[in-house]
Every structure is written in C-alpha cells, then in structure tokens.
Protein backbone atom coordinates (compact mmCIF):
# COMPACT_ATOMS: atom_id res chain seq x y z
CA UNK A 1 5.17 -0.18 -21.83
CA UNK A 2 2.11 1.46 -23.87
CA UNK A 3 0.11 3.46 -21.40
CA UNK A 4 -3.63 4.37 -22.17
CA UNK A 5 -4.21 7.72 -21.44
CA UNK A 6 -7.73 7.96 -21.03
CA UNK A 7 -7.74 4.75 -18.64
CA UNK A 8 -4.82 6.25 -16.72
CA UNK A 9 -6.52 9.48 -16.05
CA UNK A 10 -9.87 7.81 -15.12
CA UNK A 11 -8.10 5.68 -12.58
CA UNK A 12 -7.02 8.97 -10.78
CA UNK A 13 -10.60 10.04 -10.99
CA UNK A 14 -11.11 12.05 -14.12
CA UNK A 15 -9.08 15.21 -15.28
CA UNK A 16 -10.17 17.46 -12.56
CA UNK A 17 -8.80 14.98 -10.09
CA UNK A 18 -5.58 15.08 -12.07
CA UNK A 19 -5.36 18.95 -11.96
CA UNK A 20 -5.78 18.98 -8.28
CA UNK A 21 -2.77 16.87 -7.68
CA UNK A 22 0.79 18.23 -7.32
CA UNK A 23 3.51 17.07 -9.96
CA UNK A 24 4.88 15.04 -7.45
CA UNK A 25 1.65 12.95 -6.74
CA UNK A 26 1.31 12.81 -10.47
CA UNK A 27 4.61 11.16 -11.32
CA UNK A 28 4.23 8.65 -8.47
CA UNK A 29 0.77 7.72 -9.41
CA UNK A 30 2.10 7.10 -13.14
CA UNK A 31 4.97 4.74 -11.85
CA UNK A 32 2.59 3.29 -9.60
CA UNK A 33 0.02 2.48 -12.16
CA UNK A 34 2.62 1.13 -14.37
CA UNK A 35 3.99 -1.35 -12.00
CA UNK A 36 0.33 -2.30 -11.24
CA UNK A 37 -0.37 -2.73 -14.86
CA UNK A 38 2.93 -4.63 -15.20
CA UNK A 39 1.80 -6.89 -12.35
CA UNK A 40 -1.77 -7.49 -13.84
CA UNK A 41 -0.15 -8.42 -17.08
CA UNK A 42 2.23 -11.06 -15.70
CA UNK A 43 -0.61 -12.51 -13.48
CA UNK A 44 -2.74 -12.68 -16.67
CA UNK A 45 -0.16 -14.40 -18.60
CA UNK A 46 0.02 -16.83 -15.86
CA UNK A 47 -3.68 -17.49 -15.75
CA UNK A 48 -4.93 -15.04 -13.47
CA UNK A 49 -7.91 -12.53 -13.95
CA UNK A 50 -6.76 -9.06 -13.46
CA UNK A 51 -9.14 -6.74 -11.33
CA UNK A 52 -10.34 -3.34 -12.56
CA UNK A 53 -8.00 -0.95 -11.18
CA UNK A 54 -9.84 1.62 -8.85
CA UNK A 55 -10.41 5.22 -9.61
CA UNK A 56 -9.44 7.82 -6.93
CA UNK A 57 -13.22 8.83 -7.09
CA UNK A 58 -14.13 5.24 -5.86
CA UNK A 59 -11.36 5.36 -3.17
CA UNK A 60 -12.47 8.75 -1.93
CA UNK A 61 -15.92 7.42 -1.53
CA UNK A 62 -14.90 4.70 0.61
CA UNK A 63 -12.40 6.48 3.01
CA UNK A 64 -15.15 6.55 5.48
CA UNK A 65 -15.30 2.86 5.24
CA UNK A 66 -11.61 1.56 5.31
CA UNK A 67 -8.82 1.99 7.55
CA UNK A 68 -6.49 1.62 4.52
CA UNK A 69 -5.09 4.58 2.42
CA UNK A 70 -3.58 4.65 -1.11
CA UNK A 71 -0.16 5.21 -0.02
CA UNK A 72 0.05 1.92 2.05
CA UNK A 73 2.35 -0.33 0.85
CA UNK A 74 1.44 -3.53 -1.39
CA UNK A 75 1.80 -5.89 1.45
CA UNK A 76 -1.07 -3.95 3.07
CA UNK A 77 -3.44 -3.11 0.48
CA UNK A 78 -4.73 -5.09 -2.76
CA UNK A 79 -6.08 -3.87 -5.94
CA UNK A 80 -6.53 -7.10 -7.04
CA UNK A 81 -9.17 -8.77 -4.54
CA UNK A 82 -8.40 -9.33 -1.10
CA UNK A 83 -4.91 -9.67 0.59
CA UNK A 84 -3.41 -13.33 0.50
CA UNK A 85 -2.22 -15.02 3.48
CA UNK A 86 1.61 -15.15 3.34
CA UNK A 87 3.97 -17.69 4.03
CA UNK A 88 6.22 -17.57 7.36
CA UNK A 89 9.41 -16.24 7.07
CA UNK A 90 12.69 -18.21 7.92
CA UNK A 91 13.95 -17.75 11.58
CA UNK A 92 17.21 -15.84 10.08
CA UNK A 93 15.90 -14.43 6.75
CA UNK A 94 18.14 -13.26 4.05
CA UNK A 95 17.55 -10.87 1.33
CA UNK A 96 16.88 -13.46 -1.25
CA UNK A 97 13.90 -14.95 1.29
CA UNK A 98 12.13 -11.22 1.21
CA UNK A 99 12.20 -11.43 -2.58
CA UNK A 100 10.81 -14.67 -2.66
CA UNK A 101 8.35 -14.30 0.35
CA UNK A 102 7.32 -10.59 0.31
CA UNK A 103 8.52 -8.85 -2.77
CA UNK A 104 7.26 -11.51 -5.28
CA UNK A 105 6.67 -11.10 -8.41
CA UNK A 106 8.98 -8.27 -8.08
CA UNK A 107 9.12 -7.90 -11.64
CA UNK A 108 9.85 -4.33 -12.65
CA UNK A 109 13.00 -4.28 -10.33
CA UNK A 110 14.22 -7.64 -11.68
CA UNK A 111 13.64 -6.19 -15.05
CA UNK A 112 15.70 -3.09 -14.15
CA UNK A 113 18.37 -4.78 -12.68
CA UNK A 114 18.64 -7.31 -15.67
CA UNK A 115 19.26 -4.26 -17.89
CA UNK A 116 21.72 -2.92 -16.02
CA UNK A 117 23.58 -5.91 -15.79
CA UNK A 118 23.43 -6.46 -19.51
CA UNK A 119 24.50 -2.67 -20.19
CA UNK A 120 27.38 -3.23 -18.18
CA UNK A 121 26.71 -0.92 -15.21
CA UNK A 122 28.76 -1.23 -12.11
CA UNK A 123 27.55 -3.75 -9.32
CA UNK A 124 26.81 -0.95 -6.95
CA UNK A 125 23.97 0.37 -9.59
CA UNK A 126 22.77 -3.13 -10.50
CA UNK A 127 22.31 -3.60 -6.72
CA UNK A 128 20.36 -0.32 -6.64
CA UNK A 129 18.16 -1.16 -9.42
CA UNK A 130 17.49 -4.42 -8.08
CA UNK A 131 16.36 -2.60 -4.74
CA UNK A 132 15.10 0.42 -5.80
CA UNK A 133 11.25 0.21 -5.78
CA UNK A 134 10.73 -2.96 -3.41
CA UNK A 135 10.02 -0.52 -0.40
CA UNK A 136 6.68 0.14 -2.16
CA UNK A 137 5.47 -2.92 -0.46
CA UNK A 138 5.85 -1.22 2.89
CA UNK A 139 4.56 2.36 1.50
CA UNK A 140 4.59 4.49 -1.36
CA UNK A 141 5.14 7.86 -0.67
CA UNK A 142 8.69 9.21 -1.01
CA UNK A 143 9.67 5.93 -2.02
CA UNK A 144 13.20 6.78 -2.96
CA UNK A 145 13.77 8.18 0.71
CA UNK A 146 12.28 5.42 2.36
CA UNK A 147 13.92 2.81 0.33
CA UNK A 148 17.42 4.38 1.01
CA UNK A 149 16.70 4.18 4.70
CA UNK A 150 15.69 0.42 4.19
CA UNK A 151 18.88 -0.44 2.73
CA UNK A 152 21.50 1.88 3.96
CA UNK A 153 22.82 -0.31 6.78
CA UNK A 154 23.57 -3.05 4.45
CA UNK A 155 24.77 -1.93 1.14
CA UNK A 156 27.65 0.26 -0.21
CA UNK A 157 27.12 4.18 0.28
CA UNK A 158 26.55 4.46 -3.48
CA UNK A 159 23.72 1.91 -3.74
CA UNK A 160 21.56 3.84 -1.06
CA UNK A 161 22.63 7.24 -2.51
CA UNK A 162 21.28 5.78 -5.95
CA UNK A 163 18.08 4.45 -4.37
CA UNK A 164 17.36 7.53 -2.66
CA UNK A 165 17.93 10.06 -5.63
CA UNK A 166 16.45 8.21 -8.59
CA UNK A 167 13.07 9.52 -7.60
CA UNK A 168 14.37 13.20 -8.13
CA UNK A 169 16.22 12.54 -11.36
CA UNK A 170 13.49 10.54 -12.99
CA UNK A 171 11.82 14.10 -13.63
CA UNK A 172 14.90 15.71 -15.61
CA UNK A 173 16.15 14.43 -18.99
CA UNK A 174 19.93 13.86 -19.64
CA UNK A 175 20.67 12.84 -23.11
CA UNK A 176 24.40 12.16 -22.63
CA UNK A 177 23.26 9.41 -19.82
CA UNK A 178 20.59 7.97 -22.34
CA UNK A 179 17.60 9.34 -20.50
CA UNK A 180 15.04 11.46 -22.26
CA UNK A 181 12.12 12.71 -20.35
CA UNK A 182 9.31 10.22 -21.19
CA UNK A 183 7.03 11.58 -24.03
CA UNK A 184 4.20 9.90 -22.05
CA UNK A 185 4.91 12.42 -19.40
CA UNK A 186 4.02 15.30 -22.13
CA UNK A 187 0.73 13.31 -23.28
CA UNK A 188 -0.55 12.97 -19.60
CA UNK A 189 0.63 15.95 -17.78
CA UNK A 190 1.46 18.39 -20.43
CA UNK A 191 4.52 20.23 -21.29
CA UNK A 192 4.12 22.68 -18.22
CA UNK A 193 4.73 19.64 -15.56
CA UNK A 194 6.90 21.12 -13.16
CA UNK A 195 8.27 19.15 -10.08
CA UNK A 196 7.76 20.52 -6.64
CA UNK A 197 10.26 23.02 -5.23
CA UNK A 198 11.86 20.40 -2.91
CA UNK A 199 12.80 18.27 -5.85
CA UNK A 200 13.89 20.94 -7.98
CA UNK A 201 16.39 21.89 -5.06
CA UNK A 202 17.47 18.10 -4.60
CA UNK A 203 18.04 18.17 -8.58
CA UNK A 204 20.42 21.12 -8.16
CA UNK A 205 22.36 19.80 -5.56
CA UNK A 206 22.47 16.44 -7.43
CA UNK A 207 23.97 18.08 -10.85
CA UNK A 208 26.85 18.72 -8.90
CA UNK A 209 27.45 15.95 -6.50
CA UNK A 210 30.41 13.59 -7.51
CA UNK A 211 28.07 10.65 -7.39
CA UNK A 212 25.26 12.03 -9.87
CA UNK A 213 25.58 9.20 -12.36
CA UNK A 214 24.60 6.43 -9.63
CA UNK A 215 21.10 7.70 -9.11
CA UNK A 216 20.87 8.80 -12.98
CA UNK A 217 21.69 5.09 -14.35
CA UNK A 218 18.88 3.93 -11.80
CA UNK A 219 16.45 6.07 -13.89
CA UNK A 220 17.89 5.06 -17.04
CA UNK A 221 17.05 1.27 -16.23
CA UNK A 222 13.66 2.25 -14.24
CA UNK A 223 11.13 3.73 -16.43
CA UNK A 224 12.04 1.72 -19.44
CA UNK A 225 11.67 -1.72 -17.53
CA UNK A 226 8.01 -2.59 -17.84
CA UNK A 227 7.93 -5.45 -20.37
CA UNK A 228 5.06 -7.56 -19.66
CA UNK A 229 6.61 -10.18 -21.83
CA UNK A 230 9.91 -10.47 -19.81
CA UNK A 231 11.12 -13.44 -17.99
CA UNK A 232 13.20 -12.37 -15.30
CA UNK A 233 14.44 -14.31 -11.82
CA UNK A 234 16.92 -13.25 -9.02
CA UNK A 235 19.52 -16.02 -9.79
CA UNK A 236 21.64 -13.69 -11.97
CA UNK A 237 22.28 -11.27 -9.19
CA UNK A 238 23.15 -13.74 -6.39
CA UNK A 239 26.56 -13.17 -6.50
CA UNK A 240 26.22 -9.61 -6.58
CA UNK A 241 24.23 -9.89 -3.57
CA UNK A 242 26.52 -11.96 -1.94
CA UNK A 243 29.38 -9.45 -2.58
CA UNK A 244 27.92 -6.24 -1.74
CA UNK A 245 24.89 -7.21 0.82
CA UNK A 246 25.79 -7.15 4.50
CA UNK A 247 23.62 -9.94 5.40
CA UNK A 248 23.30 -9.97 9.22
CA UNK A 249 23.76 -13.45 10.91
CA UNK A 250 20.76 -12.87 12.94
CA UNK A 251 18.79 -12.12 9.84
CA UNK A 252 17.15 -8.89 8.46
CA UNK A 253 15.04 -7.43 11.22
CA UNK A 254 16.49 -9.43 14.06
CA UNK A 255 19.90 -7.49 14.04
CA UNK A 256 18.99 -4.11 15.73
CA UNK A 257 19.98 -1.84 12.80
CA UNK A 258 18.55 1.36 12.32
CA UNK A 259 15.96 -0.07 9.74
CA UNK A 260 15.47 -3.52 11.34
CA UNK A 261 11.93 -2.38 12.25
CA UNK A 262 10.96 -1.82 8.95
CA UNK A 263 12.11 -5.29 7.66
CA UNK A 264 10.11 -6.77 10.85
CA UNK A 265 6.95 -4.90 9.65
CA UNK A 266 7.35 -5.98 5.90
CA UNK A 267 7.97 -9.59 7.45
CA UNK A 268 5.15 -9.31 9.60
CA UNK A 269 2.28 -7.01 7.85
CA UNK A 270 -0.74 -8.74 9.72
CA UNK A 271 0.75 -8.07 13.33
CA UNK A 272 -2.09 -5.79 14.52
CA UNK A 273 0.10 -3.98 17.10
C-alpha cells in the first residue's frame, strides 16, 4: 500500500505532533492508519463513501466533549461516522461467529493469513496471522500483548507467542527471513527512528529464543498485507481453526477462561456496565 506521507503526518496533527510522539506511538499510528486506509478503500470499492480521517489536533480539541479516546477499539469508536447497531451474537458463539459479526471486514488479517497460507507457513503461524490484529476491535495500545491474552486459552502456545511478539519484531529487519525495515518508516520517521527501551529489551530476548521465527513470520505476512483490491474470505482457514482453535462448547465468553471477559466485551460493546 502506498502511503501519502503528508496526509499521514497531517492526520496526526502535523510535524510538531509527530515529533512529540515516542517511537512506539508512531509505529502504532502508522499501522492503524494503514488499516483504516485499507478499510476505507474496501468500503469505497463496495460503494461506500469514506469519511475524512481526523487529525490528532481535531481529536484533542474535542477531548473535553467526548468520553472516547483514540486508543479505544474499533467497536467503541468509528472514524467513518456513527457506530452501527450490531447484530446479536449466537447463544454459543464461535471464533467464526466473531469474525463475521464483530471483526468484519477483517480484510487485513485475512490478507495476512492468505499470504502465509500461500507461502507455506506452518498452521500455527497461519492461525497467528489470522488473529494477530483482531484485538484492535477491543483496544489499540500494546495490541500484541492484548491479542495474545485474548487467544492464549484457545490456541497453540506458539501461536499466542507469535501474536504477542509480532509487535516488537516489526521494528527490526531480518533479510534472511524476508523482512526488510519498510522504506516508508524511513521516509516518515527518519533514519534515527528508535523503538522505546522495553521494545529493545524484548527484541534482545527474542533474538535468542527458540521460537523467534514464529512472530518474525507474522511480521513478514503483516505489513505487506494491505492490498485494497484483494478478495479474501475466512473459508480457507476453517479447517485450520478446527484443528488448532479450542472452541469451548459453552461459546466464547461463556466458558470462564482467563480471557472470557474480553470476548464478552467484544460481543457486547454497548453494555453500559
């Protein structure tokens, strides 16, 4: 996906606002911007009219008028007009139900998983690619860690590991794995872009970890999965979900797992309490 540097910086409130952001916030902003742009292009292709992406300055000016912050998940705040009324979830909801009723269109993660499938990744990595960003519907900051927590009770350990640490490895090139630091990061953030200390410490840990390649391969299939013309569905992944996702018979959110409350929140984001 081609990014208009000026438009992106303007969306964050201008060069001064970008300069005040730390590296982690900048990287998160870029990824979220790309995902919003992708969703808008998909919506436009389907006949919708994309809304103007708000700037940080515009949002900050309205902080006192709103109880929604930028880090709120996509189910709680819309950048394209008002939030829509959600269809009720089934009594015993499955992961596929959440994809269809709460994560849709999920175009980016479906593209990522499709790329992983076509390039012969393991099923644990394909599942991680399919799930790595859906937690953005709940919350955006530290989405790798939040995403791993959401899925950990239900997926292989390697999959949750990959989801958690893809957020760190996106900052670091690995030519042998096929991941080069994106040129757009240099154009937008400059050659002195430096991740914060906790990310650097996590990277040092990961370099020597036996499962380093799991999150690395998520990054390979992550930032290159922003094709607005791609047609993707969840259907090719139903068998992989069936083999590797431990679907609770009570339904996600009803099984008293450590993350059941997160699934309930995603299922019912309009609950006032």
